[in-house]
Amino acid sequence: MSPTDESTDAGTARATRADRGSGPRAGTGFDPGTGTDCEDTLELRLSDELIALFAGGAGGTGSGDGAEEGAPDATPGRFAHGVPDGSPDDDDLLDRVGGWGPARTPAGVLHLVPVRAGRDLALLHRWMNDPAVAEFWELAGPEAVVEEHLRRQFDGDGRSVPCLGVLDGIPMSYWEIYRADLDSLARHYPARPHDTGIHLLIGGVADRGRGLGSTLLRAVADLVLDKRPASARVVAEPDLRNTPSVSAFLSGGFRFSAEVDLPGKRAALMIRDRALRDLL
């Protein structure tokens, strides 16, 4: 999700939230903008103890304040299974994202770790205030802005799960995995039951512009298809004007399906099909 110019695979996402309340404003793609601070991820290699904290409680729910941090899995380098803050324990619409386990990529081992506001808010706040990110996500400002964006997902029914992307022990990206068929997006394309949508931003400047976004998009889309057997497709909706974004999705195994008019943008509907995953 290799582009013609891999330097454009920057990793700032933009997705409409005008009528769904959980995603960024204008798409799911990448923009070649530059940021101001890459120290957040360059110096944040996690110790074993912190990896245990990122794991969350096994099968439990949290309040969003990070109070219940759980214990590590018995296997070194793995995360304990958990669910995101506020997700219903008995009605998870996304098959327990926190328990999906690792996605092995050419760039390293990636874990999707459900966000806990008390633990992760400061990091996400820094990322959202990077001008290259803020231009598309529109969540710059005080921490309360990001906190409210997360809270809408925590307080929902589990149809959207915010996650940190932790690559080889380093939190370096932010993901939203959501039920596209239950989202307002479904009003704008012929949705199928259990279609799964993704939003992504890459937090550190040093991780942008080198094809990493495409690598991670492919890995996470395949992880969705492996862990959600009822989902035949992974969808995304980058702004049609954002050629680097569309290129990144294409090189990540997605196909261009159609142009769709969404609130605030005309989008390229990108789809990764289970039936075509070995061909693209």
C-alpha atoms as a PDB file:
ATOM      1  CA  MET A   1       0.000   0.000   0.000  1.00  0.00           C
ATOM      2  CA  SER A   2       7.448   0.107  -5.385  1.00  0.00           C
ATOM      3  CA  PRO A   3       5.848   3.586  -6.143  1.00  0.00           C
ATOM      4  CA  THR A   4       7.235   5.440  -9.162  1.00  0.00           C
ATOM      5  CA  ASP A   5       8.925   7.758  -6.724  1.00  0.00           C
ATOM      6  CA  GLU A   6       9.271   6.119  -3.351  1.00  0.00           C
ATOM      7  CA  SER A   7      10.238   9.428  -1.794  1.00  0.00           C
ATOM      8  CA  THR A   8       6.574  10.343  -2.002  1.00  0.00           C
ATOM      9  CA  ASP A   9       5.530   7.475   0.255  1.00  0.00           C
ATOM     10  CA  ALA A  10       5.527   9.768   3.231  1.00  0.00           C
ATOM     11  CA  GLY A  11       2.830   8.389   5.452  1.00  0.00           C
ATOM     12  CA  THR A  12       0.506  11.190   6.445  1.00  0.00           C
ATOM     13  CA  ALA A  13      -3.080  10.074   6.207  1.00  0.00           C
ATOM     14  CA  ARG A  14      -6.198  12.031   5.446  1.00  0.00           C
ATOM     15  CA  ALA A  15      -9.690  10.586   5.865  1.00  0.00           C
ATOM     16  CA  THR A  16     -13.091  12.162   6.118  1.00  0.00           C
ATOM     17  CA  ARG A  17     -14.589  12.711   9.561  1.00  0.00           C
ATOM     18  CA  ALA A  18     -17.289  15.114   8.530  1.00  0.00           C
ATOM     19  CA  ASP A  19     -19.980  12.502   9.050  1.00  0.00           C
ATOM     20  CA  ARG A  20     -18.328   9.498  10.647  1.00  0.00           C
ATOM     21  CA  GLY A  21     -16.607  11.101  13.624  1.00  0.00           C
ATOM     22  CA  SER A  22     -13.689   8.694  13.889  1.00  0.00           C
ATOM     23  CA  GLY A  23     -11.311   9.293  11.002  1.00  0.00           C
ATOM     24  CA  PRO A  24      -9.183  12.215   9.857  1.00  0.00           C
ATOM     25  CA  ARG A  25     -10.678  14.696   7.446  1.00  0.00           C
ATOM     26  CA  ALA A  26      -9.762  13.799   3.934  1.00  0.00           C
ATOM     27  CA  GLY A  27      -8.514  10.310   3.028  1.00  0.00           C
ATOM     28  CA  THR A  28      -6.216   7.456   3.864  1.00  0.00           C
ATOM     29  CA  GLY A  29      -3.258   8.271   1.701  1.00  0.00           C
ATOM     30  CA  PHE A  30       0.205   9.665   1.936  1.00  0.00           C
ATOM     31  CA  ASP A  31       1.588  13.121   1.313  1.00  0.00           C
ATOM     32  CA  PRO A  32       5.225  14.012   0.670  1.00  0.00           C
ATOM     33  CA  GLY A  33       5.283  16.780   3.277  1.00  0.00           C
ATOM     34  CA  THR A  34       8.106  17.066   5.749  1.00  0.00           C
ATOM     35  CA  GLY A  35       7.838  17.341   9.497  1.00  0.00           C
ATOM     36  CA  THR A  36       9.749  19.154  12.149  1.00  0.00           C
ATOM     37  CA  ASP A  37      10.691  16.495  14.668  1.00  0.00           C
ATOM     38  CA  CYS A  38      11.766  12.915  14.160  1.00  0.00           C
ATOM     39  CA  GLU A  39      13.088  12.311  17.644  1.00  0.00           C
ATOM     40  CA  ASP A  40       9.834  10.778  18.864  1.00  0.00           C
ATOM     41  CA  THR A  41      10.487   7.486  17.142  1.00  0.00           C
ATOM     42  CA  LEU A  42      14.244   7.545  16.700  1.00  0.00           C
ATOM     43  CA  GLU A  43      14.860   7.460  20.435  1.00  0.00           C
ATOM     44  CA  LEU A  44      11.924   5.390  21.554  1.00  0.00           C
ATOM     45  CA  ARG A  45      13.132   1.789  21.350  1.00  0.00           C
ATOM     46  CA  LEU A  46      11.173  -0.067  23.969  1.00  0.00           C
ATOM     47  CA  SER A  47      12.501  -2.127  26.815  1.00  0.00           C
ATOM     48  CA  ASP A  48      10.921  -5.486  27.635  1.00  0.00           C
ATOM     49  CA  GLU A  49       9.014  -3.796  30.448  1.00  0.00           C
ATOM     50  CA  LEU A  50       7.538  -1.175  28.134  1.00  0.00           C
ATOM     51  CA  ILE A  51       6.619  -3.797  25.561  1.00  0.00           C
ATOM     52  CA  ALA A  52       4.693  -5.514  28.343  1.00  0.00           C
ATOM     53  CA  LEU A  53       2.877  -2.253  29.027  1.00  0.00           C
ATOM     54  CA  PHE A  54       1.968  -1.819  25.374  1.00  0.00           C
ATOM     55  CA  ALA A  55       0.469  -5.294  25.395  1.00  0.00           C
ATOM     56  CA  GLY A  56      -2.507  -4.310  27.556  1.00  0.00           C
ATOM     57  CA  GLY A  57      -4.625  -6.577  29.709  1.00  0.00           C
ATOM     58  CA  ALA A  58      -5.295 -10.063  28.360  1.00  0.00           C
ATOM     59  CA  GLY A  59      -8.837 -10.031  27.091  1.00  0.00           C
ATOM     60  CA  GLY A  60      -9.813  -7.126  29.345  1.00  0.00           C
ATOM     61  CA  THR A  61     -11.109  -3.663  28.680  1.00  0.00           C
ATOM     62  CA  GLY A  62      -9.657  -0.409  29.909  1.00  0.00           C
ATOM     63  CA  SER A  63     -11.014   2.997  30.729  1.00  0.00           C
ATOM     64  CA  GLY A  64      -8.720   4.910  28.387  1.00  0.00           C
ATOM     65  CA  ASP A  65      -6.484   6.092  31.196  1.00  0.00           C
ATOM     66  CA  GLY A  66      -3.887   3.328  30.885  1.00  0.00           C
ATOM     67  CA  ALA A  67      -4.541   2.066  34.394  1.00  0.00           C
ATOM     68  CA  GLU A  68      -4.818  -1.584  33.372  1.00  0.00           C
ATOM     69  CA  GLU A  69      -1.638  -2.369  31.483  1.00  0.00           C
ATOM     70  CA  GLY A  70      -1.560  -6.183  31.708  1.00  0.00           C
ATOM     71  CA  ALA A  71       1.334  -8.586  31.310  1.00  0.00           C
ATOM     72  CA  PRO A  72       3.575  -9.771  28.465  1.00  0.00           C
ATOM     73  CA  ASP A  73       2.998 -12.909  26.474  1.00  0.00           C
ATOM     74  CA  ALA A  74       5.171 -15.843  27.496  1.00  0.00           C
ATOM     75  CA  THR A  75       6.898 -15.779  24.102  1.00  0.00           C
ATOM     76  CA  PRO A  76       9.717 -13.202  23.955  1.00  0.00           C
ATOM     77  CA  GLY A  77       9.059 -10.385  21.513  1.00  0.00           C
ATOM     78  CA  ARG A  78       5.310 -11.037  21.367  1.00  0.00           C
ATOM     79  CA  PHE A  79       2.511  -8.905  22.768  1.00  0.00           C
ATOM     80  CA  ALA A  80      -0.133 -10.221  25.093  1.00  0.00           C
ATOM     81  CA  HIS A  81      -3.610 -10.225  23.617  1.00  0.00           C
ATOM     82  CA  GLY A  82      -5.890  -7.391  24.637  1.00  0.00           C
ATOM     83  CA  VAL A  83      -8.673  -5.135  23.422  1.00  0.00           C
ATOM     84  CA  PRO A  84      -8.620  -1.351  23.039  1.00  0.00           C
ATOM     85  CA  ASP A  85      -9.908   1.020  25.650  1.00  0.00           C
ATOM     86  CA  GLY A  86     -13.665   1.183  25.530  1.00  0.00           C
ATOM     87  CA  SER A  87     -14.200  -1.700  23.097  1.00  0.00           C
ATOM     88  CA  PRO A  88     -17.092  -3.936  24.143  1.00  0.00           C
ATOM     89  CA  ASP A  89     -15.664  -7.137  25.590  1.00  0.00           C
ATOM     90  CA  ASP A  90     -18.360  -9.367  24.139  1.00  0.00           C
ATOM     91  CA  ASP A  91     -19.184  -7.521  20.918  1.00  0.00           C
ATOM     92  CA  ASP A  92     -15.960  -6.837  19.074  1.00  0.00           C
ATOM     93  CA  LEU A  93     -16.855  -6.016  15.483  1.00  0.00           C
ATOM     94  CA  LEU A  94     -13.257  -6.337  14.300  1.00  0.00           C
ATOM     95  CA  ASP A  95     -12.292  -9.749  15.687  1.00  0.00           C
ATOM     96  CA  ARG A  96     -10.086  -8.393  18.463  1.00  0.00           C
ATOM     97  CA  VAL A  97      -7.423  -6.367  16.704  1.00  0.00           C
ATOM     98  CA  GLY A  98      -5.251  -6.405  19.824  1.00  0.00           C
ATOM     99  CA  GLY A  99      -4.925 -10.165  19.581  1.00  0.00           C
ATOM    100  CA  TRP A 100      -3.964 -10.415  15.930  1.00  0.00           C
ATOM    101  CA  GLY A 101      -0.281 -10.910  16.674  1.00  0.00           C
ATOM    102  CA  PRO A 102       2.700  -9.853  14.549  1.00  0.00           C
ATOM    103  CA  ALA A 103       2.888  -8.980  10.882  1.00  0.00           C
ATOM    104  CA  ARG A 104       6.314  -9.872   9.542  1.00  0.00           C
ATOM    105  CA  THR A 105       7.506  -7.403   6.913  1.00  0.00           C
ATOM    106  CA  PRO A 106      10.764  -6.749   5.027  1.00  0.00           C
ATOM    107  CA  ALA A 107      11.171  -3.744   7.339  1.00  0.00           C
ATOM    108  CA  GLY A 108      10.761  -5.733  10.556  1.00  0.00           C
ATOM    109  CA  VAL A 109       8.045  -7.162  12.768  1.00  0.00           C
ATOM    110  CA  LEU A 110       4.999  -4.968  13.150  1.00  0.00           C
ATOM    111  CA  HIS A 111       2.431  -5.202  15.951  1.00  0.00           C
ATOM    112  CA  LEU A 112      -0.845  -3.300  16.004  1.00  0.00           C
ATOM    113  CA  VAL A 113      -1.235  -2.282  19.637  1.00  0.00           C
ATOM    114  CA  PRO A 114      -4.616  -0.755  20.582  1.00  0.00           C
ATOM    115  CA  VAL A 115      -4.200   2.785  21.849  1.00  0.00           C
ATOM    116  CA  ARG A 116      -4.554   3.623  25.532  1.00  0.00           C
ATOM    117  CA  ALA A 117      -5.112   7.328  25.976  1.00  0.00           C
ATOM    118  CA  GLY A 118      -3.227   7.695  29.248  1.00  0.00           C
ATOM    119  CA  ARG A 119      -0.188   5.940  27.851  1.00  0.00           C
ATOM    120  CA  ASP A 120      -0.168   7.112  24.233  1.00  0.00           C
ATOM    121  CA  LEU A 121      -1.812  10.535  24.141  1.00  0.00           C
ATOM    122  CA  ALA A 122       1.389  12.578  24.451  1.00  0.00           C
ATOM    123  CA  LEU A 123       3.045  10.728  21.566  1.00  0.00           C
ATOM    124  CA  LEU A 124      -0.003  11.012  19.317  1.00  0.00           C
ATOM    125  CA  HIS A 125      -0.316  14.689  20.224  1.00  0.00           C
ATOM    126  CA  ARG A 126       3.248  15.319  19.033  1.00  0.00           C
ATOM    127  CA  TRP A 127       2.612  13.474  15.788  1.00  0.00           C
ATOM    128  CA  MET A 128      -0.656  15.293  15.100  1.00  0.00           C
ATOM    129  CA  ASN A 129       1.082  18.645  15.599  1.00  0.00           C
ATOM    130  CA  ASP A 130       3.699  17.886  12.963  1.00  0.00           C
ATOM    131  CA  PRO A 131       2.678  20.298  10.151  1.00  0.00           C
ATOM    132  CA  ALA A 132       2.910  17.530   7.531  1.00  0.00           C
ATOM    133  CA  VAL A 133       0.427  15.455   9.525  1.00  0.00           C
ATOM    134  CA  ALA A 134      -1.770  18.318  10.694  1.00  0.00           C
ATOM    135  CA  GLU A 135      -2.455  19.404   7.116  1.00  0.00           C
ATOM    136  CA  PHE A 136      -4.388  16.213   6.496  1.00  0.00           C
ATOM    137  CA  TRP A 137      -5.608  14.908   9.840  1.00  0.00           C
ATOM    138  CA  GLU A 138      -6.602  18.350  11.165  1.00  0.00           C
ATOM    139  CA  LEU A 139      -6.033  17.303  14.772  1.00  0.00           C
ATOM    140  CA  ALA A 140      -3.372  19.860  15.701  1.00  0.00           C
ATOM    141  CA  GLY A 141      -3.774  21.887  18.859  1.00  0.00           C
ATOM    142  CA  PRO A 142      -3.935  20.951  22.542  1.00  0.00           C
ATOM    143  CA  GLU A 143      -4.006  17.345  23.707  1.00  0.00           C
ATOM    144  CA  ALA A 144      -7.744  17.637  24.256  1.00  0.00           C
ATOM    145  CA  VAL A 145      -8.286  17.681  20.470  1.00  0.00           C
ATOM    146  CA  VAL A 146      -6.591  14.321  19.992  1.00  0.00           C
ATOM    147  CA  GLU A 147      -8.142  12.952  23.152  1.00  0.00           C
ATOM    148  CA  GLU A 148     -11.637  13.729  21.869  1.00  0.00           C
ATOM    149  CA  HIS A 149     -10.832  12.082  18.521  1.00  0.00           C
ATOM    150  CA  LEU A 150      -9.793   8.930  20.361  1.00  0.00           C
ATOM    151  CA  ARG A 151     -12.687   9.107  22.796  1.00  0.00           C
ATOM    152  CA  ARG A 152     -15.244   8.957  19.990  1.00  0.00           C
ATOM    153  CA  GLN A 153     -13.758   5.612  19.027  1.00  0.00           C
ATOM    154  CA  PHE A 154     -13.387   4.340  22.595  1.00  0.00           C
ATOM    155  CA  ASP A 155     -17.011   5.209  23.334  1.00  0.00           C
ATOM    156  CA  GLY A 156     -18.313   3.602  20.153  1.00  0.00           C
ATOM    157  CA  ASP A 157     -19.437   0.055  19.551  1.00  0.00           C
ATOM    158  CA  GLY A 158     -16.062  -1.271  18.429  1.00  0.00           C
ATOM    159  CA  ARG A 159     -16.441  -0.516  14.735  1.00  0.00           C
ATOM    160  CA  SER A 160     -13.235   1.592  14.750  1.00  0.00           C
ATOM    161  CA  VAL A 161     -10.093   0.663  16.682  1.00  0.00           C
ATOM    162  CA  PRO A 162      -7.177   3.129  16.986  1.00  0.00           C
ATOM    163  CA  CYS A 163      -3.777   1.438  17.187  1.00  0.00           C
ATOM    164  CA  LEU A 164      -0.102   2.222  17.421  1.00  0.00           C
ATOM    165  CA  GLY A 165       2.068   0.505  14.843  1.00  0.00           C
ATOM    166  CA  VAL A 166       5.061  -0.818  16.779  1.00  0.00           C
ATOM    167  CA  LEU A 167       7.861  -1.870  14.422  1.00  0.00           C
ATOM    168  CA  ASP A 168      10.632  -3.932  16.012  1.00  0.00           C
ATOM    169  CA  GLY A 169       9.760  -2.484  19.405  1.00  0.00           C
ATOM    170  CA  ILE A 170       9.448   1.141  18.250  1.00  0.00           C
ATOM    171  CA  PRO A 171       6.051   2.891  18.085  1.00  0.00           C
ATOM    172  CA  MET A 172       6.293   4.620  14.704  1.00  0.00           C
ATOM    173  CA  SER A 173       2.831   4.840  13.159  1.00  0.00           C
ATOM    174  CA  TYR A 174      -0.831   5.343  13.969  1.00  0.00           C
ATOM    175  CA  TRP A 175      -3.580   3.198  12.437  1.00  0.00           C
ATOM    176  CA  GLU A 176      -7.338   3.137  12.498  1.00  0.00           C
ATOM    177  CA  ILE A 177      -8.881  -0.199  11.595  1.00  0.00           C
ATOM    178  CA  TYR A 178     -12.596   0.187  10.991  1.00  0.00           C
ATOM    179  CA  ARG A 179     -15.675  -1.557   9.630  1.00  0.00           C
ATOM    180  CA  ALA A 180     -16.150   0.179   6.294  1.00  0.00           C
ATOM    181  CA  ASP A 181     -19.476  -1.560   5.742  1.00  0.00           C
ATOM    182  CA  LEU A 182     -20.812   0.020   8.958  1.00  0.00           C
ATOM    183  CA  ASP A 183     -19.258   3.419   8.256  1.00  0.00           C
ATOM    184  CA  SER A 184     -20.762   6.374   6.408  1.00  0.00           C
ATOM    185  CA  LEU A 185     -18.309   5.486   3.633  1.00  0.00           C
ATOM    186  CA  ALA A 186     -20.650   2.614   2.768  1.00  0.00           C
ATOM    187  CA  ARG A 187     -23.147   5.163   1.415  1.00  0.00           C
ATOM    188  CA  HIS A 188     -20.666   6.111  -1.299  1.00  0.00           C
ATOM    189  CA  TYR A 189     -19.614   2.751  -2.750  1.00  0.00           C
ATOM    190  CA  PRO A 190     -21.130  -0.746  -3.153  1.00  0.00           C
ATOM    191  CA  ALA A 191     -20.038  -2.010   0.258  1.00  0.00           C
ATOM    192  CA  ARG A 192     -20.002  -5.690   1.086  1.00  0.00           C
ATOM    193  CA  PRO A 193     -20.528  -7.208   4.537  1.00  0.00           C
ATOM    194  CA  HIS A 194     -17.402  -7.068   6.694  1.00  0.00           C
ATOM    195  CA  ASP A 195     -15.430  -4.752   4.374  1.00  0.00           C
ATOM    196  CA  THR A 196     -12.548  -3.478   6.513  1.00  0.00           C
ATOM    197  CA  GLY A 197     -11.118   0.026   6.158  1.00  0.00           C
ATOM    198  CA  ILE A 198      -7.725   1.370   7.171  1.00  0.00           C
ATOM    199  CA  HIS A 199      -6.248   4.808   7.913  1.00  0.00           C
ATOM    200  CA  LEU A 200      -2.526   5.316   8.489  1.00  0.00           C
ATOM    201  CA  LEU A 201      -0.034   7.985   9.410  1.00  0.00           C
ATOM    202  CA  ILE A 202       3.688   7.493   9.907  1.00  0.00           C
ATOM    203  CA  GLY A 203       4.886   9.540  12.846  1.00  0.00           C
ATOM    204  CA  GLY A 204       8.612  10.052  12.366  1.00  0.00           C
ATOM    205  CA  VAL A 205      10.204  12.024   9.549  1.00  0.00           C
ATOM    206  CA  ALA A 206      12.986   9.447   9.279  1.00  0.00           C
ATOM    207  CA  ASP A 207      10.425   6.745   8.481  1.00  0.00           C
ATOM    208  CA  ARG A 208       8.875   8.676   5.594  1.00  0.00           C
ATOM    209  CA  GLY A 209       9.871   8.873   1.965  1.00  0.00           C
ATOM    210  CA  ARG A 210      11.540   5.453   1.639  1.00  0.00           C
ATOM    211  CA  GLY A 211       8.712   3.120   0.653  1.00  0.00           C
ATOM    212  CA  LEU A 212       7.945   2.035   4.197  1.00  0.00           C
ATOM    213  CA  GLY A 213       4.298   3.037   3.932  1.00  0.00           C
ATOM    214  CA  SER A 214       3.672   0.674   1.026  1.00  0.00           C
ATOM    215  CA  THR A 215       5.384  -2.164   2.873  1.00  0.00           C
ATOM    216  CA  LEU A 216       3.285  -1.653   5.989  1.00  0.00           C
ATOM    217  CA  LEU A 217       0.039  -1.193   4.069  1.00  0.00           C
ATOM    218  CA  ARG A 218       0.520  -4.510   2.325  1.00  0.00           C
ATOM    219  CA  ALA A 219       1.391  -6.247   5.590  1.00  0.00           C
ATOM    220  CA  VAL A 220      -1.543  -4.843   7.540  1.00  0.00           C
ATOM    221  CA  ALA A 221      -4.030  -5.486   4.738  1.00  0.00           C
ATOM    222  CA  ASP A 222      -2.879  -9.097   4.602  1.00  0.00           C
ATOM    223  CA  LEU A 223      -3.087  -9.303   8.386  1.00  0.00           C
ATOM    224  CA  VAL A 224      -6.703  -8.142   8.190  1.00  0.00           C
ATOM    225  CA  LEU A 225      -7.509 -10.819   5.622  1.00  0.00           C
ATOM    226  CA  ASP A 226      -5.770 -13.495   7.710  1.00  0.00           C
ATOM    227  CA  LYS A 227      -7.438 -12.545  10.980  1.00  0.00           C
ATOM    228  CA  ARG A 228     -10.883 -11.584   9.686  1.00  0.00           C
ATOM    229  CA  PRO A 229     -12.051 -14.587   7.635  1.00  0.00           C
ATOM    230  CA  ALA A 230     -15.440 -12.949   7.038  1.00  0.00           C
ATOM    231  CA  SER A 231     -13.782  -9.949   5.370  1.00  0.00           C
ATOM    232  CA  ALA A 232     -13.114 -10.452   1.664  1.00  0.00           C
ATOM    233  CA  ARG A 233     -11.743  -6.938   1.073  1.00  0.00           C
ATOM    234  CA  VAL A 234      -9.697  -4.170   2.651  1.00  0.00           C
ATOM    235  CA  VAL A 235     -10.607  -0.682   1.453  1.00  0.00           C
ATOM    236  CA  ALA A 236      -9.110   2.800   1.609  1.00  0.00           C
ATOM    237  CA  GLU A 237     -10.103   6.186   0.206  1.00  0.00           C
ATOM    238  CA  PRO A 238      -7.125   8.516  -0.464  1.00  0.00           C
ATOM    239  CA  ASP A 239      -7.755  11.889  -2.039  1.00  0.00           C
ATOM    240  CA  LEU A 240      -7.720  11.445  -5.808  1.00  0.00           C
ATOM    241  CA  ARG A 241      -5.443  14.484  -6.161  1.00  0.00           C
ATOM    242  CA  ASN A 242      -2.842  12.872  -3.939  1.00  0.00           C
ATOM    243  CA  THR A 243      -0.968  10.896  -6.596  1.00  0.00           C
ATOM    244  CA  PRO A 244       1.746   9.734  -4.140  1.00  0.00           C
ATOM    245  CA  SER A 245      -0.951   8.237  -1.933  1.00  0.00           C
ATOM    246  CA  VAL A 246      -2.629   6.343  -4.759  1.00  0.00           C
ATOM    247  CA  SER A 247       0.789   5.098  -5.897  1.00  0.00           C
ATOM    248  CA  ALA A 248       1.592   3.890  -2.397  1.00  0.00           C
ATOM    249  CA  PHE A 249      -1.611   1.876  -2.186  1.00  0.00           C
ATOM    250  CA  LEU A 250      -1.063   0.396  -5.636  1.00  0.00           C
ATOM    251  CA  SER A 251       2.457  -0.709  -4.736  1.00  0.00           C
ATOM    252  CA  GLY A 252       1.041  -2.122  -1.492  1.00  0.00           C
ATOM    253  CA  GLY A 253      -1.215  -4.577  -3.320  1.00  0.00           C
ATOM    254  CA  PHE A 254      -4.370  -2.488  -3.647  1.00  0.00           C
ATOM    255  CA  ARG A 255      -6.189  -1.902  -6.920  1.00  0.00           C
ATOM    256  CA  PHE A 256      -7.942   1.261  -8.043  1.00  0.00           C
ATOM    257  CA  SER A 257     -11.686   0.587  -8.074  1.00  0.00           C
ATOM    258  CA  ALA A 258     -13.488   3.874  -8.675  1.00  0.00           C
ATOM    259  CA  GLU A 259     -13.681   7.584  -8.029  1.00  0.00           C
ATOM    260  CA  VAL A 260     -16.086   8.468  -5.238  1.00  0.00           C
ATOM    261  CA  ASP A 261     -17.366  11.784  -3.962  1.00  0.00           C
ATOM    262  CA  LEU A 262     -16.960  12.047  -0.185  1.00  0.00           C
ATOM    263  CA  PRO A 263     -17.546  15.031   2.095  1.00  0.00           C
ATOM    264  CA  GLY A 264     -14.682  17.425   1.431  1.00  0.00           C
ATOM    265  CA  LYS A 265     -12.931  15.478  -1.313  1.00  0.00           C
ATOM    266  CA  ARG A 266     -13.088  13.318  -4.385  1.00  0.00           C
ATOM    267  CA  ALA A 267     -11.444  10.046  -3.476  1.00  0.00           C
ATOM    268  CA  ALA A 268      -9.829   7.081  -5.131  1.00  0.00           C
ATOM    269  CA  LEU A 269     -11.460   3.950  -3.794  1.00  0.00           C
ATOM    270  CA  MET A 270      -8.620   1.479  -3.293  1.00  0.00           C
ATOM    271  CA  ILE A 271      -9.312  -2.200  -2.612  1.00  0.00           C
ATOM    272  CA  ARG A 272      -7.179  -5.173  -1.658  1.00  0.00           C
ATOM    273  CA  ASP A 273      -9.116  -8.326  -2.471  1.00  0.00           C
ATOM    274  CA  ARG A 274      -8.625 -11.639  -0.780  1.00  0.00           C
ATOM    275  CA  ALA A 275      -9.025 -13.360  -4.148  1.00  0.00           C
ATOM    276  CA  LEU A 276      -6.261 -11.266  -5.750  1.00  0.00           C
ATOM    277  CA  ARG A 277      -3.811 -10.976  -2.869  1.00  0.00           C
ATOM    278  CA  ASP A 278      -1.350 -13.448  -4.409  1.00  0.00           C
ATOM    279  CA  LEU A 279      -1.406 -11.632  -7.759  1.00  0.00           C
ATOM    280  CA  LEU A 280      -0.942  -8.011  -6.658  1.00  0.00           C
END
